[in-house]
């Protein structure tokens, strides 16, 4: 297996959407974005198979019993989110450069449950410091609730601790999107 999997983690306002769009524009032939399997309801405008594969809770739980998921989690105590192991293995065998957006807690789960898989992936974390996060939040949500941003900053502290523990690279996402892309491409050796 010669492919590789890159997990990208982020804080709120870290620019993962912009990074994804910039990577897609590159047109790298063997670059694929893995989709999460989820049990939550589709939101308006979402299409099954576009960013997520929407399946029933029963299907997901059957997959857990069969050990189909490389990693999975119940997000916000409401819905399962997970990555199918078979898709990762197929990507590795077909020499794909795979990108998967993932939460830091899921990366910890992966490292604990599958230490033998560690040589197949690398991880990076897009971090934005608190004041920049506040600025971006209010720029996107001018009428937003100040308590929402404080809650995000509080959860970010935990995400940073996890990133320092588990991630191979932490990127300052307050840079320009072009600088972030350049740093990610260098990390991915593309």
Protein backbone atom coordinates (compact mmCIF):
# COMPACT_ATOMS: atom_id res chain seq x y z
CA UNK A 1 0.00 0.00 0.00
CA UNK A 2 1.53 3.27 -1.11
CA UNK A 3 -1.32 5.76 -0.66
CA UNK A 4 -1.59 8.04 2.34
CA UNK A 5 -4.35 9.54 4.46
CA UNK A 6 -4.22 13.09 5.80
CA UNK A 7 -6.53 14.03 8.64
CA UNK A 8 -7.29 17.73 8.85
CA UNK A 9 -8.61 19.15 12.09
CA UNK A 10 -9.58 22.74 12.78
CA UNK A 11 -10.94 25.22 15.26
CA UNK A 12 -14.08 27.18 14.52
CA UNK A 13 -13.19 29.76 11.89
CA UNK A 14 -10.00 27.87 10.99
CA UNK A 15 -10.68 27.99 7.27
CA UNK A 16 -11.20 24.30 6.49
CA UNK A 17 -13.80 25.12 3.82
CA UNK A 18 -11.43 27.52 2.07
CA UNK A 19 -8.58 25.02 2.30
CA UNK A 20 -10.77 22.27 0.83
CA UNK A 21 -11.80 24.50 -2.10
CA UNK A 22 -8.17 25.49 -2.74
CA UNK A 23 -7.04 21.85 -2.69
CA UNK A 24 -9.86 20.88 -5.07
CA UNK A 25 -8.83 23.67 -7.48
CA UNK A 26 -5.32 22.18 -7.65
CA UNK A 27 -6.66 19.29 -9.72
CA UNK A 28 -4.27 16.74 -8.21
CA UNK A 29 -5.17 13.50 -10.01
CA UNK A 30 -4.97 11.08 -7.10
CA UNK A 31 -6.32 13.42 -4.38
CA UNK A 32 -9.66 12.36 -2.89
CA UNK A 33 -11.76 13.71 -0.04
CA UNK A 34 -13.25 10.97 2.12
CA UNK A 35 -16.86 11.48 3.15
CA UNK A 36 -18.22 10.77 6.61
CA UNK A 37 -21.09 8.36 7.12
CA UNK A 38 -23.68 10.09 9.31
CA UNK A 39 -27.04 9.31 10.88
CA UNK A 40 -28.34 12.87 11.29
CA UNK A 41 -31.05 14.32 9.08
CA UNK A 42 -29.98 16.06 5.89
CA UNK A 43 -30.03 19.83 6.11
CA UNK A 44 -31.55 22.01 3.39
CA UNK A 45 -29.27 22.05 0.34
CA UNK A 46 -27.33 18.91 1.31
CA UNK A 47 -27.12 16.02 -1.15
CA UNK A 48 -26.48 12.44 -0.09
CA UNK A 49 -22.98 11.45 -1.23
CA UNK A 50 -21.76 15.01 -1.76
CA UNK A 51 -20.03 15.69 1.56
CA UNK A 52 -21.74 13.02 3.69
CA UNK A 53 -23.26 9.60 3.21
CA UNK A 54 -26.55 9.64 5.12
CA UNK A 55 -27.52 6.26 6.56
CA UNK A 56 -29.90 5.09 9.26
CA UNK A 57 -28.87 4.62 12.86
CA UNK A 58 -29.56 0.90 12.47
CA UNK A 59 -27.26 0.64 9.43
CA UNK A 60 -24.53 2.50 11.32
CA UNK A 61 -24.85 0.31 14.41
CA UNK A 62 -24.74 -2.82 12.23
CA UNK A 63 -21.52 -1.43 10.73
CA UNK A 64 -20.09 -0.93 14.22
CA UNK A 65 -20.85 -4.58 15.04
CA UNK A 66 -19.10 -5.69 11.82
CA UNK A 67 -16.10 -3.43 12.63
CA UNK A 68 -16.68 -1.48 9.38
CA UNK A 69 -15.51 1.86 10.75
CA UNK A 70 -11.94 2.99 11.15
CA UNK A 71 -13.23 5.59 13.57
CA UNK A 72 -16.66 6.78 14.66
CA UNK A 73 -18.25 8.97 17.28
CA UNK A 74 -21.64 10.12 18.47
CA UNK A 75 -21.52 13.85 17.78
CA UNK A 76 -23.43 16.13 20.15
CA UNK A 77 -25.12 13.02 21.61
CA UNK A 78 -27.41 13.01 18.59
CA UNK A 79 -25.91 11.37 15.52
CA UNK A 80 -23.16 8.96 14.55
CA UNK A 81 -20.32 10.16 12.31
CA UNK A 82 -17.67 7.79 11.03
CA UNK A 83 -15.13 6.77 8.38
CA UNK A 84 -15.49 3.44 6.59
CA UNK A 85 -12.36 1.33 6.93
CA UNK A 86 -12.90 -0.32 3.52
CA UNK A 87 -12.76 3.06 1.73
CA UNK A 88 -9.48 3.96 3.41
CA UNK A 89 -7.92 0.58 2.64
CA UNK A 90 -9.05 0.81 -1.02
CA UNK A 91 -7.58 4.32 -1.26
CA UNK A 92 -4.27 3.15 0.17
CA UNK A 93 -4.14 0.19 -2.22
CA UNK A 94 -4.91 2.48 -5.17
CA UNK A 95 -2.19 4.95 -4.15
CA UNK A 96 -4.63 7.77 -3.39
CA UNK A 97 -3.80 10.84 -1.37
CA UNK A 98 -6.85 10.95 0.88
CA UNK A 99 -8.00 13.92 2.92
CA UNK A 100 -10.47 13.51 5.76
CA UNK A 101 -11.81 16.27 7.98
CA UNK A 102 -11.98 14.91 11.49
CA UNK A 103 -12.35 16.06 15.08
CA UNK A 104 -9.31 15.83 17.39
CA UNK A 105 -11.16 13.44 19.73
CA UNK A 106 -11.68 11.05 16.81
CA UNK A 107 -7.99 11.11 15.99
CA UNK A 108 -7.24 10.12 19.58
CA UNK A 109 -9.70 7.24 19.26
CA UNK A 110 -8.04 6.11 16.05
CA UNK A 111 -4.56 6.15 17.58
CA UNK A 112 -5.73 4.22 20.63
CA UNK A 113 -7.80 1.59 18.78
CA UNK A 114 -5.60 1.13 15.70
CA UNK A 115 -1.95 1.81 16.62
CA UNK A 116 -0.86 -0.57 13.82
CA UNK A 117 -2.48 1.79 11.30
CA UNK A 118 -0.36 4.79 12.33
CA UNK A 119 2.11 4.59 9.42
CA UNK A 120 -0.77 5.11 6.95
CA UNK A 121 -1.76 8.62 7.97
CA UNK A 122 -0.56 12.05 9.02
CA UNK A 123 -2.52 14.80 10.72
CA UNK A 124 -2.59 18.56 10.80
CA UNK A 125 -4.54 21.12 12.80
CA UNK A 126 -5.66 24.54 11.57
CA UNK A 127 -5.56 26.86 14.55
CA UNK A 128 -6.81 30.41 14.93
CA UNK A 129 -6.05 32.27 18.11
CA UNK A 130 -8.92 33.54 20.22
CA UNK A 131 -8.97 37.18 19.12
CA UNK A 132 -8.87 36.22 15.43
CA UNK A 133 -11.61 33.66 16.06
CA UNK A 134 -13.76 36.37 17.64
CA UNK A 135 -13.16 38.66 14.65
CA UNK A 136 -14.05 35.97 12.12
CA UNK A 137 -17.12 34.89 14.06
CA UNK A 138 -18.53 38.41 14.23
CA UNK A 139 -17.64 39.03 10.60
CA UNK A 140 -19.74 36.01 9.59
CA UNK A 141 -22.45 36.57 12.23
CA UNK A 142 -22.69 40.31 12.98
CA UNK A 143 -25.78 39.77 15.13
CA UNK A 144 -24.38 36.64 16.79
CA UNK A 145 -24.64 35.81 20.46
CA UNK A 146 -21.43 36.72 22.36
CA UNK A 147 -21.89 33.65 24.56
CA UNK A 148 -21.70 31.40 21.47
CA UNK A 149 -18.20 32.61 20.65
CA UNK A 150 -17.09 32.26 24.27
CA UNK A 151 -18.36 28.67 24.23
CA UNK A 152 -16.43 28.03 21.00
CA UNK A 153 -13.26 29.47 22.51
CA UNK A 154 -13.68 27.31 25.59
CA UNK A 155 -14.01 24.16 23.46
CA UNK A 156 -11.03 25.33 21.38
CA UNK A 157 -8.78 25.13 24.43
CA UNK A 158 -9.52 21.40 24.66
CA UNK A 159 -9.06 20.95 20.88
CA UNK A 160 -5.63 22.64 21.07
CA UNK A 161 -4.55 20.34 23.88
CA UNK A 162 -5.64 17.34 21.84
CA UNK A 163 -3.89 18.71 18.74
CA UNK A 164 -0.65 19.17 20.64
CA UNK A 165 -0.93 15.56 21.81
CA UNK A 166 -1.97 13.88 18.55
CA UNK A 167 -1.25 16.07 15.49
CA UNK A 168 1.88 16.00 13.36
CA UNK A 169 1.60 19.66 12.36
CA UNK A 170 -0.22 22.71 13.74
CA UNK A 171 -0.75 25.51 11.23
CA UNK A 172 -1.45 29.12 12.12
CA UNK A 173 -4.68 29.58 10.15
CA UNK A 174 -4.69 33.35 10.61
CA UNK A 175 -2.32 33.49 7.62
CA UNK A 176 -3.61 34.14 4.11
CA UNK A 177 -5.39 31.20 2.43
CA UNK A 178 -2.52 31.05 -0.09
CA UNK A 179 0.08 30.71 2.68
CA UNK A 180 -1.99 28.03 4.41
CA UNK A 181 -2.31 26.11 1.13
CA UNK A 182 1.44 26.36 0.53
CA UNK A 183 2.16 25.01 4.02
CA UNK A 184 -0.32 22.15 3.59
CA UNK A 185 1.06 21.21 0.16
CA UNK A 186 4.59 21.14 1.57
CA UNK A 187 3.39 18.91 4.43
CA UNK A 188 1.60 16.59 2.00
CA UNK A 189 4.58 16.68 -0.42
CA UNK A 190 2.33 17.57 -3.36
